[in-house]
Amino acid sequence: MKAGLGLLRLTPSAFWAMTLRELNAAFARPRALLAPTRSEIEQLMRMFPDDVEQ
């Protein structure tokens, strides 16, 4: 409750109306903030190689 009402600044009615899934999503880290996977790095390296002359 402290996190929902204090950190997220939800009204009591909004907090109590949320499902557990919604509350979990509110606290989940966005995908953009996670480090890229090895395959994502390799894909970027193929798309933008460092050794290309311009």
PDB file of N, CA and C in Angstrom:
ATOM      1  N   MET A   1       0.821  -1.181   0.000  1.00  0.00           N
ATOM      2  CA  MET A   1       0.000   0.000   0.000  1.00  0.00           C
ATOM      3  C   MET A   1       0.869   1.250   0.000  1.00  0.00           C
ATOM      4  N   LYS A   2       1.953   1.204   0.762  1.00  0.00           N
ATOM      5  CA  LYS A   2       2.826   2.372   0.848  1.00  0.00           C
ATOM      6  C   LYS A   2       3.395   2.710  -0.528  1.00  0.00           C
ATOM      7  N   ALA A   3       3.802   1.692  -1.270  1.00  0.00           N
ATOM      8  CA  ALA A   3       4.360   1.932  -2.600  1.00  0.00           C
ATOM      9  C   ALA A   3       3.294   2.422  -3.572  1.00  0.00           C
ATOM     10  N   GLY A   4       2.126   1.823  -3.525  1.00  0.00           N
ATOM     11  CA  GLY A   4       1.055   2.221  -4.439  1.00  0.00           C
ATOM     12  C   GLY A   4       0.554   3.627  -4.184  1.00  0.00           C
ATOM     13  N   LEU A   5       0.343   3.932  -2.917  1.00  0.00           N
ATOM     14  CA  LEU A   5      -0.182   5.256  -2.574  1.00  0.00           C
ATOM     15  C   LEU A   5       0.916   6.313  -2.522  1.00  0.00           C
ATOM     16  N   GLY A   6       2.097   5.937  -2.039  1.00  0.00           N
ATOM     17  CA  GLY A   6       3.179   6.908  -1.883  1.00  0.00           C
ATOM     18  C   GLY A   6       4.053   7.044  -3.112  1.00  0.00           C
ATOM     19  N   LEU A   7       4.609   5.933  -3.564  1.00  0.00           N
ATOM     20  CA  LEU A   7       5.547   5.970  -4.691  1.00  0.00           C
ATOM     21  C   LEU A   7       4.835   6.233  -6.017  1.00  0.00           C
ATOM     22  N   LEU A   8       3.769   5.491  -6.266  1.00  0.00           N
ATOM     23  CA  LEU A   8       3.035   5.665  -7.521  1.00  0.00           C
ATOM     24  C   LEU A   8       2.043   6.825  -7.477  1.00  0.00           C
ATOM     25  N   ARG A   9       1.790   7.338  -6.270  1.00  0.00           N
ATOM     26  CA  ARG A   9       0.879   8.473  -6.074  1.00  0.00           C
ATOM     27  C   ARG A   9      -0.533   8.170  -6.575  1.00  0.00           C
ATOM     28  N   LEU A  10      -0.977   6.937  -6.381  1.00  0.00           N
ATOM     29  CA  LEU A  10      -2.327   6.555  -6.768  1.00  0.00           C
ATOM     30  C   LEU A  10      -3.324   7.038  -5.723  1.00  0.00           C
ATOM     31  N   THR A  11      -4.521   7.319  -6.162  1.00  0.00           N
ATOM     32  CA  THR A  11      -5.584   7.611  -5.205  1.00  0.00           C
ATOM     33  C   THR A  11      -5.986   6.286  -4.558  1.00  0.00           C
ATOM     34  N   PRO A  12      -6.542   6.318  -3.366  1.00  0.00           N
ATOM     35  CA  PRO A  12      -6.974   5.064  -2.747  1.00  0.00           C
ATOM     36  C   PRO A  12      -7.930   4.267  -3.633  1.00  0.00           C
ATOM     37  N   SER A  13      -8.860   4.943  -4.284  1.00  0.00           N
ATOM     38  CA  SER A  13      -9.807   4.216  -5.137  1.00  0.00           C
ATOM     39  C   SER A  13      -9.106   3.584  -6.338  1.00  0.00           C
ATOM     40  N   ALA A  14      -8.121   4.274  -6.918  1.00  0.00           N
ATOM     41  CA  ALA A  14      -7.371   3.706  -8.045  1.00  0.00           C
ATOM     42  C   ALA A  14      -6.525   2.528  -7.582  1.00  0.00           C
ATOM     43  N   PHE A  15      -5.904   2.659  -6.406  1.00  0.00           N
ATOM     44  CA  PHE A  15      -5.087   1.565  -5.873  1.00  0.00           C
ATOM     45  C   PHE A  15      -5.924   0.315  -5.653  1.00  0.00           C
ATOM     46  N   TRP A  16      -7.065   0.445  -4.990  1.00  0.00           N
ATOM     47  CA  TRP A  16      -7.891  -0.714  -4.667  1.00  0.00           C
ATOM     48  C   TRP A  16      -8.587  -1.279  -5.900  1.00  0.00           C
ATOM     49  N   ALA A  17      -8.715  -0.500  -6.964  1.00  0.00           N
ATOM     50  CA  ALA A  17      -9.337  -0.991  -8.195  1.00  0.00           C
ATOM     51  C   ALA A  17      -8.359  -1.769  -9.066  1.00  0.00           C
ATOM     52  N   MET A  18      -7.048  -1.629  -8.810  1.00  0.00           N
ATOM     53  CA  MET A  18      -6.037  -2.307  -9.629  1.00  0.00           C
ATOM     54  C   MET A  18      -6.037  -3.809  -9.376  1.00  0.00           C
ATOM     55  N   THR A  19      -5.764  -4.545 -10.463  1.00  0.00           N
ATOM     56  CA  THR A  19      -5.551  -5.982 -10.315  1.00  0.00           C
ATOM     57  C   THR A  19      -4.088  -6.199  -9.942  1.00  0.00           C
ATOM     58  N   LEU A  20      -3.760  -7.395  -9.489  1.00  0.00           N
ATOM     59  CA  LEU A  20      -2.357  -7.702  -9.183  1.00  0.00           C
ATOM     60  C   LEU A  20      -1.490  -7.581 -10.429  1.00  0.00           C
ATOM     61  N   ARG A  21      -2.023  -7.964 -11.572  1.00  0.00           N
ATOM     62  CA  ARG A  21      -1.277  -7.847 -12.830  1.00  0.00           C
ATOM     63  C   ARG A  21      -0.965  -6.381 -13.136  1.00  0.00           C
ATOM     64  N   GLU A  22      -1.924  -5.496 -12.948  1.00  0.00           N
ATOM     65  CA  GLU A  22      -1.708  -4.068 -13.192  1.00  0.00           C
ATOM     66  C   GLU A  22      -0.694  -3.487 -12.211  1.00  0.00           C
ATOM     67  N   LEU A  23      -0.792  -3.881 -10.962  1.00  0.00           N
ATOM     68  CA  LEU A  23       0.148  -3.397  -9.956  1.00  0.00           C
ATOM     69  C   LEU A  23       1.563  -3.878 -10.262  1.00  0.00           C
ATOM     70  N   ASN A  24       1.696  -5.123 -10.667  1.00  0.00           N
ATOM     71  CA  ASN A  24       2.999  -5.660 -11.046  1.00  0.00           C
ATOM     72  C   ASN A  24       3.566  -4.912 -12.253  1.00  0.00           C
ATOM     73  N   ALA A  25       2.733  -4.630 -13.239  1.00  0.00           N
ATOM     74  CA  ALA A  25       3.184  -3.901 -14.426  1.00  0.00           C
ATOM     75  C   ALA A  25       3.627  -2.486 -14.069  1.00  0.00           C
ATOM     76  N   ALA A  26       2.995  -1.885 -13.093  1.00  0.00           N
ATOM     77  CA  ALA A  26       3.367  -0.533 -12.674  1.00  0.00           C
ATOM     78  C   ALA A  26       4.768  -0.499 -12.063  1.00  0.00           C
ATOM     79  N   PHE A  27       5.185  -1.612 -11.462  1.00  0.00           N
ATOM     80  CA  PHE A  27       6.502  -1.673 -10.838  1.00  0.00           C
ATOM     81  C   PHE A  27       7.553  -2.354 -11.697  1.00  0.00           C
ATOM     82  N   ALA A  28       7.158  -2.939 -12.818  1.00  0.00           N
ATOM     83  CA  ALA A  28       8.106  -3.655 -13.677  1.00  0.00           C
ATOM     84  C   ALA A  28       9.009  -2.664 -14.395  1.00  0.00           C
ATOM     85  N   ARG A  29      10.247  -3.083 -14.609  1.00  0.00           N
ATOM     86  CA  ARG A  29      11.179  -2.253 -15.371  1.00  0.00           C
ATOM     87  C   ARG A  29      10.802  -2.289 -16.842  1.00  0.00           C
ATOM     88  N   PRO A  30      10.774  -1.142 -17.490  1.00  0.00           N
ATOM     89  CA  PRO A  30      10.509  -1.137 -18.928  1.00  0.00           C
ATOM     90  C   PRO A  30      11.603  -1.884 -19.682  1.00  0.00           C
ATOM     91  N   ARG A  31      11.257  -2.512 -20.768  1.00  0.00           N
ATOM     92  CA  ARG A  31      12.215  -3.288 -21.565  1.00  0.00           C
ATOM     93  C   ARG A  31      13.377  -2.419 -22.033  1.00  0.00           C
ATOM     94  N   ALA A  32      13.109  -1.168 -22.334  1.00  0.00           N
ATOM     95  CA  ALA A  32      14.159  -0.285 -22.842  1.00  0.00           C
ATOM     96  C   ALA A  32      15.267  -0.051 -21.821  1.00  0.00           C
ATOM     97  N   LEU A  33      14.996  -0.235 -20.547  1.00  0.00           N
ATOM     98  CA  LEU A  33      16.005  -0.012 -19.522  1.00  0.00           C
ATOM     99  C   LEU A  33      16.861  -1.245 -19.252  1.00  0.00           C
ATOM    100  N   LEU A  34      16.490  -2.374 -19.826  1.00  0.00           N
ATOM    101  CA  LEU A  34      17.266  -3.589 -19.632  1.00  0.00           C
ATOM    102  C   LEU A  34      18.434  -3.613 -20.606  1.00  0.00           C
ATOM    103  N   ALA A  35      19.503  -4.256 -20.213  1.00  0.00           N
ATOM    104  CA  ALA A  35      20.665  -4.382 -21.089  1.00  0.00           C
ATOM    105  C   ALA A  35      20.304  -5.246 -22.293  1.00  0.00           C
ATOM    106  N   PRO A  36      20.861  -4.936 -23.464  1.00  0.00           N
ATOM    107  CA  PRO A  36      20.572  -5.757 -24.640  1.00  0.00           C
ATOM    108  C   PRO A  36      21.162  -7.157 -24.483  1.00  0.00           C
ATOM    109  N   THR A  37      20.513  -8.115 -25.118  1.00  0.00           N
ATOM    110  CA  THR A  37      21.013  -9.489 -25.084  1.00  0.00           C
ATOM    111  C   THR A  37      22.185  -9.622 -26.042  1.00  0.00           C
ATOM    112  N   ARG A  38      22.896 -10.725 -25.933  1.00  0.00           N
ATOM    113  CA  ARG A  38      24.028 -10.973 -26.829  1.00  0.00           C
ATOM    114  C   ARG A  38      23.568 -10.995 -28.286  1.00  0.00           C
ATOM    115  N   SER A  39      22.447 -11.630 -28.563  1.00  0.00           N
ATOM    116  CA  SER A  39      21.966 -11.693 -29.946  1.00  0.00           C
ATOM    117  C   SER A  39      21.571 -10.309 -30.463  1.00  0.00           C
ATOM    118  N   GLU A  40      21.028  -9.458 -29.599  1.00  0.00           N
ATOM    119  CA  GLU A  40      20.699  -8.094 -30.014  1.00  0.00           C
ATOM    120  C   GLU A  40      21.962  -7.298 -30.333  1.00  0.00           C
ATOM    121  N   ILE A  41      23.004  -7.475 -29.537  1.00  0.00           N
ATOM    122  CA  ILE A  41      24.286  -6.802 -29.804  1.00  0.00           C
ATOM    123  C   ILE A  41      24.867  -7.286 -31.130  1.00  0.00           C
ATOM    124  N   GLU A  42      24.853  -8.604 -31.350  1.00  0.00           N
ATOM    125  CA  GLU A  42      25.385  -9.160 -32.597  1.00  0.00           C
ATOM    126  C   GLU A  42      24.605  -8.655 -33.806  1.00  0.00           C
ATOM    127  N   GLN A  43      23.297  -8.548 -33.673  1.00  0.00           N
ATOM    128  CA  GLN A  43      22.477  -8.025 -34.763  1.00  0.00           C
ATOM    129  C   GLN A  43      22.842  -6.569 -35.058  1.00  0.00           C
ATOM    130  N   LEU A  44      23.020  -5.762 -34.032  1.00  0.00           N
ATOM    131  CA  LEU A  44      23.426  -4.371 -34.226  1.00  0.00           C
ATOM    132  C   LEU A  44      24.808  -4.275 -34.863  1.00  0.00           C
ATOM    133  N   MET A  45      25.718  -5.166 -34.477  1.00  0.00           N
ATOM    134  CA  MET A  45      27.067  -5.158 -35.052  1.00  0.00           C
ATOM    135  C   MET A  45      27.024  -5.508 -36.538  1.00  0.00           C
ATOM    136  N   ARG A  46      26.126  -6.407 -36.932  1.00  0.00           N
ATOM    137  CA  ARG A  46      25.982  -6.730 -38.356  1.00  0.00           C
ATOM    138  C   ARG A  46      25.359  -5.556 -39.115  1.00  0.00           C
ATOM    139  N   MET A  47      24.416  -4.896 -38.493  1.00  0.00           N
ATOM    140  CA  MET A  47      23.738  -3.771 -39.144  1.00  0.00           C
ATOM    141  C   MET A  47      24.631  -2.536 -39.254  1.00  0.00           C
ATOM    142  N   PHE A  48      25.499  -2.340 -38.262  1.00  0.00           N
ATOM    143  CA  PHE A  48      26.343  -1.143 -38.208  1.00  0.00           C
ATOM    144  C   PHE A  48      27.797  -1.526 -37.919  1.00  0.00           C
ATOM    145  N   PRO A  49      28.472  -2.155 -38.887  1.00  0.00           N
ATOM    146  CA  PRO A  49      29.857  -2.577 -38.641  1.00  0.00           C
ATOM    147  C   PRO A  49      30.792  -1.376 -38.499  1.00  0.00           C
ATOM    148  N   ASP A  50      31.828  -1.540 -37.679  1.00  0.00           N
ATOM    149  CA  ASP A  50      32.785  -0.459 -37.439  1.00  0.00           C
ATOM    150  C   ASP A  50      33.803  -0.295 -38.561  1.00  0.00           C
ATOM    151  N   ASP A  51      34.023  -1.329 -39.339  1.00  0.00           N
ATOM    152  CA  ASP A  51      35.115  -1.296 -40.316  1.00  0.00           C
ATOM    153  C   ASP A  51      34.669  -0.863 -41.714  1.00  0.00           C
ATOM    154  N   VAL A  52      33.560  -0.186 -41.850  1.00  0.00           N
ATOM    155  CA  VAL A  52      33.066   0.253 -43.153  1.00  0.00           C
ATOM    156  C   VAL A  52      33.648   1.628 -43.465  1.00  0.00           C
ATOM    157  N   GLU A  53      34.251   1.759 -44.657  1.00  0.00           N
ATOM    158  CA  GLU A  53      34.786   3.050 -45.106  1.00  0.00           C
ATOM    159  C   GLU A  53      33.647   3.898 -45.654  1.00  0.00           C
ATOM    160  N   GLN A  54      33.667   5.192 -45.320  1.00  0.00           N
ATOM    161  CA  GLN A  54      32.629   6.088 -45.852  1.00  0.00           C
ATOM    162  C   GLN A  54      33.223   7.151 -46.706  1.00  0.00           C
TER     163      GLN A  54
END
